[in-house]
Amino acid sequence: MRSFHSILLLLSGAIMLTAAGCSSGPVFDVEPEILFMDVSPKQVSRSNPDDLFVITIHFQDGDGDLGDNTGEKVSNLFIRDTRDNIPDSVRTEAFSMPDLTPQTRKPSIQGTIDINVEVLPQLSKDFPPYVGPDAEDIYYDVWLVDRAGHQSNTVRTSAITITK
């Protein structure tokens, strides 16, 4: 996991536990599902290394086995820069979500995750020097993997404009 990205999990309602009647089975599919919600702000600057943007996704998982329960910081949330000119070595960023498993017999969970992404990687030695237009729209693909190895669907962010 690279140091120039950070993740902040804001779980709406401290994770909304979802149950259907008295059933103890999953309400959602056991494969996690995510939905892109927002990116904010919509424009950041390369010239300000403190600029960051936040990608917000909604998640749901039928068996509630999201996040790391080993304490080993297992990679389970991923973002991928979709630009073609970005080296593969830095194109995909991995994060470790904490254990989100509820302490209940009804394991289905849903909530939101905010991912803080710094603009600073644009200045990293691993990135080619920027010689493009004054502003560039970039997109990220986002997905997660639960502890059983089920990969969620992949969602793409809306445009994030990076200016010089």
C-alpha atoms as a PDB file:
ATOM      1  CA  MET A   1       0.000   0.000   0.000  1.00  0.00           C
ATOM      2  CA  ARG A   2       1.411   3.366  -0.962  1.00  0.00           C
ATOM      3  CA  SER A   3       1.717   6.238   1.489  1.00  0.00           C
ATOM      4  CA  PHE A   4       0.249   8.937  -0.741  1.00  0.00           C
ATOM      5  CA  HIS A   5      -3.330   7.797  -0.371  1.00  0.00           C
ATOM      6  CA  SER A   6      -5.344   7.468   2.789  1.00  0.00           C
ATOM      7  CA  ILE A   7      -8.689   5.919   3.504  1.00  0.00           C
ATOM      8  CA  LEU A   8     -11.307   7.176   5.860  1.00  0.00           C
ATOM      9  CA  LEU A   9     -14.225   4.920   6.510  1.00  0.00           C
ATOM     10  CA  LEU A  10     -17.345   6.783   7.438  1.00  0.00           C
ATOM     11  CA  LEU A  11     -19.950   4.161   7.919  1.00  0.00           C
ATOM     12  CA  SER A  12     -23.391   5.675   7.789  1.00  0.00           C
ATOM     13  CA  GLY A  13     -25.211   4.982  10.988  1.00  0.00           C
ATOM     14  CA  ALA A  14     -22.140   3.047  12.227  1.00  0.00           C
ATOM     15  CA  ILE A  15     -23.083   0.504   9.555  1.00  0.00           C
ATOM     16  CA  MET A  16     -26.726  -0.027   8.990  1.00  0.00           C
ATOM     17  CA  LEU A  17     -27.544  -3.595   9.847  1.00  0.00           C
ATOM     18  CA  THR A  18     -30.243  -4.877   7.559  1.00  0.00           C
ATOM     19  CA  ALA A  19     -32.556  -7.699   8.516  1.00  0.00           C
ATOM     20  CA  ALA A  20     -35.641  -9.200   6.944  1.00  0.00           C
ATOM     21  CA  GLY A  21     -38.128 -10.379   9.540  1.00  0.00           C
ATOM     22  CA  CYS A  22     -36.778 -13.055  11.838  1.00  0.00           C
ATOM     23  CA  SER A  23     -34.533 -14.666   9.258  1.00  0.00           C
ATOM     24  CA  SER A  24     -30.874 -15.025  10.209  1.00  0.00           C
ATOM     25  CA  GLY A  25     -29.791 -15.452   6.574  1.00  0.00           C
ATOM     26  CA  PRO A  26     -28.329 -12.759   4.342  1.00  0.00           C
ATOM     27  CA  VAL A  27     -30.592 -10.047   2.946  1.00  0.00           C
ATOM     28  CA  PHE A  28     -28.138  -9.164   0.155  1.00  0.00           C
ATOM     29  CA  ASP A  29     -26.039 -11.390  -2.090  1.00  0.00           C
ATOM     30  CA  VAL A  30     -22.885 -12.741  -0.387  1.00  0.00           C
ATOM     31  CA  GLU A  31     -20.819 -11.094  -3.115  1.00  0.00           C
ATOM     32  CA  PRO A  32     -20.324  -7.457  -2.122  1.00  0.00           C
ATOM     33  CA  GLU A  33     -21.928  -4.816  -4.295  1.00  0.00           C
ATOM     34  CA  ILE A  34     -20.864  -1.187  -4.528  1.00  0.00           C
ATOM     35  CA  LEU A  35     -22.334   1.949  -6.053  1.00  0.00           C
ATOM     36  CA  PHE A  36     -20.450   5.137  -6.908  1.00  0.00           C
ATOM     37  CA  MET A  37     -22.014   8.063  -5.057  1.00  0.00           C
ATOM     38  CA  ASP A  38     -19.789  11.126  -5.379  1.00  0.00           C
ATOM     39  CA  VAL A  39     -16.365  12.649  -5.789  1.00  0.00           C
ATOM     40  CA  SER A  40     -15.603  15.945  -4.101  1.00  0.00           C
ATOM     41  CA  PRO A  41     -14.282  18.439  -4.887  1.00  0.00           C
ATOM     42  CA  LYS A  42     -14.658  18.108  -8.632  1.00  0.00           C
ATOM     43  CA  GLN A  43     -11.451  20.089  -9.289  1.00  0.00           C
ATOM     44  CA  VAL A  44      -8.023  19.985  -7.614  1.00  0.00           C
ATOM     45  CA  SER A  45      -4.653  21.529  -8.438  1.00  0.00           C
ATOM     46  CA  ARG A  46      -1.291  19.890  -9.146  1.00  0.00           C
ATOM     47  CA  SER A  47       0.400  23.009  -7.800  1.00  0.00           C
ATOM     48  CA  ASN A  48      -1.094  22.500  -4.331  1.00  0.00           C
ATOM     49  CA  PRO A  49       0.347  19.292  -2.839  1.00  0.00           C
ATOM     50  CA  ASP A  50      -2.166  19.484   0.034  1.00  0.00           C
ATOM     51  CA  ASP A  51      -5.151  19.141  -2.319  1.00  0.00           C
ATOM     52  CA  LEU A  52      -7.138  15.944  -2.067  1.00  0.00           C
ATOM     53  CA  PHE A  53     -10.403  14.634  -3.319  1.00  0.00           C
ATOM     54  CA  VAL A  54     -12.795  12.196  -1.712  1.00  0.00           C
ATOM     55  CA  ILE A  55     -14.396   9.275  -3.547  1.00  0.00           C
ATOM     56  CA  THR A  56     -17.614   8.132  -1.832  1.00  0.00           C
ATOM     57  CA  ILE A  57     -19.091   4.689  -2.495  1.00  0.00           C
ATOM     58  CA  HIS A  58     -22.056   2.824  -1.037  1.00  0.00           C
ATOM     59  CA  PHE A  59     -21.572  -0.860  -0.192  1.00  0.00           C
ATOM     60  CA  GLN A  60     -23.735  -3.822   0.740  1.00  0.00           C
ATOM     61  CA  ASP A  61     -22.736  -7.372   1.606  1.00  0.00           C
ATOM     62  CA  GLY A  62     -24.994 -10.299   2.457  1.00  0.00           C
ATOM     63  CA  ASP A  63     -22.704 -12.160   4.825  1.00  0.00           C
ATOM     64  CA  GLY A  64     -21.008  -9.114   6.350  1.00  0.00           C
ATOM     65  CA  ASP A  65     -17.463 -10.364   5.836  1.00  0.00           C
ATOM     66  CA  LEU A  66     -15.945  -7.062   4.748  1.00  0.00           C
ATOM     67  CA  GLY A  67     -12.738  -5.645   6.106  1.00  0.00           C
ATOM     68  CA  ASP A  68      -9.636  -7.056   7.733  1.00  0.00           C
ATOM     69  CA  ASN A  69     -10.189  -9.096  10.882  1.00  0.00           C
ATOM     70  CA  THR A  70      -6.574 -10.299  11.163  1.00  0.00           C
ATOM     71  CA  GLY A  71      -4.883  -7.047  12.190  1.00  0.00           C
ATOM     72  CA  GLU A  72      -2.409  -7.581   9.338  1.00  0.00           C
ATOM     73  CA  LYS A  73      -3.681  -4.695   7.141  1.00  0.00           C
ATOM     74  CA  VAL A  74      -4.860  -6.978   4.347  1.00  0.00           C
ATOM     75  CA  SER A  75      -5.565  -5.162   1.068  1.00  0.00           C
ATOM     76  CA  ASN A  76      -9.312  -5.284   0.398  1.00  0.00           C
ATOM     77  CA  LEU A  77     -10.270  -1.963  -1.256  1.00  0.00           C
ATOM     78  CA  PHE A  78      -8.746  -0.857  -4.547  1.00  0.00           C
ATOM     79  CA  ILE A  79      -8.755   2.223  -6.772  1.00  0.00           C
ATOM     80  CA  ARG A  80      -7.265   2.265 -10.260  1.00  0.00           C
ATOM     81  CA  ASP A  81      -6.295   5.343 -12.248  1.00  0.00           C
ATOM     82  CA  THR A  82      -7.769   4.810 -15.725  1.00  0.00           C
ATOM     83  CA  ARG A  83      -5.325   7.028 -17.638  1.00  0.00           C
ATOM     84  CA  ASP A  84      -3.193   5.192 -20.199  1.00  0.00           C
ATOM     85  CA  ASN A  85      -0.026   7.184 -19.475  1.00  0.00           C
ATOM     86  CA  ILE A  86       0.244   6.088 -15.838  1.00  0.00           C
ATOM     87  CA  PRO A  87       2.842   3.367 -15.122  1.00  0.00           C
ATOM     88  CA  ASP A  88       1.349   0.043 -13.995  1.00  0.00           C
ATOM     89  CA  SER A  89       3.507   0.189 -10.846  1.00  0.00           C
ATOM     90  CA  VAL A  90       1.411   3.070  -9.504  1.00  0.00           C
ATOM     91  CA  ARG A  91      -1.857   2.710 -11.401  1.00  0.00           C
ATOM     92  CA  THR A  92      -3.703   0.630  -8.771  1.00  0.00           C
ATOM     93  CA  GLU A  93      -3.747   1.646  -5.124  1.00  0.00           C
ATOM     94  CA  ALA A  94      -4.669  -0.836  -2.375  1.00  0.00           C
ATOM     95  CA  PHE A  95      -6.193  -0.005   1.007  1.00  0.00           C
ATOM     96  CA  SER A  96      -7.045  -1.993   4.114  1.00  0.00           C
ATOM     97  CA  MET A  97     -10.551  -1.519   5.518  1.00  0.00           C
ATOM     98  CA  PRO A  98     -11.071  -2.437   9.173  1.00  0.00           C
ATOM     99  CA  ASP A  99     -13.365  -5.315  10.097  1.00  0.00           C
ATOM    100  CA  LEU A 100     -16.972  -4.350   9.331  1.00  0.00           C
ATOM    101  CA  THR A 101     -18.541  -7.647  10.437  1.00  0.00           C
ATOM    102  CA  PRO A 102     -21.490  -7.006  12.750  1.00  0.00           C
ATOM    103  CA  GLN A 103     -21.779  -8.805  16.064  1.00  0.00           C
ATOM    104  CA  THR A 104     -25.244 -10.128  15.297  1.00  0.00           C
ATOM    105  CA  ARG A 105     -26.877 -13.232  13.903  1.00  0.00           C
ATOM    106  CA  LYS A 106     -28.125 -11.153  10.949  1.00  0.00           C
ATOM    107  CA  PRO A 107     -24.918 -10.435   9.090  1.00  0.00           C
ATOM    108  CA  SER A 108     -26.063  -8.329   6.123  1.00  0.00           C
ATOM    109  CA  ILE A 109     -24.465  -4.892   6.126  1.00  0.00           C
ATOM    110  CA  GLN A 110     -24.539  -1.701   4.082  1.00  0.00           C
ATOM    111  CA  GLY A 111     -23.019   1.739   4.457  1.00  0.00           C
ATOM    112  CA  THR A 112     -20.783   4.306   2.826  1.00  0.00           C
ATOM    113  CA  ILE A 113     -17.012   4.543   2.481  1.00  0.00           C
ATOM    114  CA  ASP A 114     -15.059   7.756   1.862  1.00  0.00           C
ATOM    115  CA  ILE A 115     -11.643   7.307   0.219  1.00  0.00           C
ATOM    116  CA  ASN A 116      -9.267  10.293   0.538  1.00  0.00           C
ATOM    117  CA  VAL A 117      -6.958  10.540  -2.482  1.00  0.00           C
ATOM    118  CA  GLU A 118      -4.058  12.982  -2.510  1.00  0.00           C
ATOM    119  CA  VAL A 119      -3.084  14.871  -5.657  1.00  0.00           C
ATOM    120  CA  LEU A 120       0.576  14.577  -4.657  1.00  0.00           C
ATOM    121  CA  PRO A 121       1.144  11.322  -6.607  1.00  0.00           C
ATOM    122  CA  GLN A 122       1.031  13.426  -9.743  1.00  0.00           C
ATOM    123  CA  LEU A 123       4.425  14.781  -8.630  1.00  0.00           C
ATOM    124  CA  SER A 124       5.927  11.400  -7.740  1.00  0.00           C
ATOM    125  CA  LYS A 125       9.115  10.199  -9.447  1.00  0.00           C
ATOM    126  CA  ASP A 126       7.116   7.188 -10.686  1.00  0.00           C
ATOM    127  CA  PHE A 127       4.852   9.417 -12.757  1.00  0.00           C
ATOM    128  CA  PRO A 128       6.002  10.906 -16.054  1.00  0.00           C
ATOM    129  CA  PRO A 129       6.481  14.705 -15.961  1.00  0.00           C
ATOM    130  CA  TYR A 130       3.230  16.447 -16.729  1.00  0.00           C
ATOM    131  CA  VAL A 131       3.338  18.226 -20.079  1.00  0.00           C
ATOM    132  CA  GLY A 132      -0.346  18.113 -20.995  1.00  0.00           C
ATOM    133  CA  PRO A 133      -3.086  20.718 -21.126  1.00  0.00           C
ATOM    134  CA  ASP A 134      -3.782  23.182 -18.333  1.00  0.00           C
ATOM    135  CA  ALA A 135      -6.528  20.894 -17.034  1.00  0.00           C
ATOM    136  CA  GLU A 136      -7.013  17.140 -17.272  1.00  0.00           C
ATOM    137  CA  ASP A 137     -10.067  15.029 -16.414  1.00  0.00           C
ATOM    138  CA  ILE A 138      -9.240  11.773 -14.671  1.00  0.00           C
ATOM    139  CA  TYR A 139     -11.391   8.825 -13.604  1.00  0.00           C
ATOM    140  CA  TYR A 140     -10.857   6.021 -11.109  1.00  0.00           C
ATOM    141  CA  ASP A 141     -12.223   2.485 -11.057  1.00  0.00           C
ATOM    142  CA  VAL A 142     -13.092   1.252  -7.556  1.00  0.00           C
ATOM    143  CA  TRP A 143     -13.747  -2.266  -6.216  1.00  0.00           C
ATOM    144  CA  LEU A 144     -13.425  -4.259  -3.016  1.00  0.00           C
ATOM    145  CA  VAL A 145     -12.888  -7.878  -1.996  1.00  0.00           C
ATOM    146  CA  ASP A 146     -14.445  -9.611   1.010  1.00  0.00           C
ATOM    147  CA  ARG A 147     -12.669 -12.121   3.271  1.00  0.00           C
ATOM    148  CA  ALA A 148     -14.087 -15.081   1.308  1.00  0.00           C
ATOM    149  CA  GLY A 149     -12.401 -13.699  -1.818  1.00  0.00           C
ATOM    150  CA  HIS A 150     -15.603 -12.458  -3.459  1.00  0.00           C
ATOM    151  CA  GLN A 151     -14.819  -9.408  -5.586  1.00  0.00           C
ATOM    152  CA  SER A 152     -17.454  -6.710  -5.867  1.00  0.00           C
ATOM    153  CA  ASN A 153     -18.543  -5.103  -9.074  1.00  0.00           C
ATOM    154  CA  THR A 154     -16.268  -2.302 -10.325  1.00  0.00           C
ATOM    155  CA  VAL A 155     -17.567   1.264 -10.437  1.00  0.00           C
ATOM    156  CA  ARG A 156     -16.069   4.270 -12.188  1.00  0.00           C
ATOM    157  CA  THR A 157     -15.986   7.734 -10.668  1.00  0.00           C
ATOM    158  CA  SER A 158     -17.218  10.819 -12.404  1.00  0.00           C
ATOM    159  CA  ALA A 159     -14.558  13.183 -13.772  1.00  0.00           C
ATOM    160  CA  ILE A 160     -12.070  14.809 -11.427  1.00  0.00           C
ATOM    161  CA  THR A 161     -10.419  17.818 -13.062  1.00  0.00           C
ATOM    162  CA  ILE A 162      -6.765  18.322 -12.168  1.00  0.00           C
ATOM    163  CA  THR A 163      -5.363  21.735 -13.072  1.00  0.00           C
ATOM    164  CA  LYS A 164      -1.740  22.874 -13.315  1.00  0.00           C
END
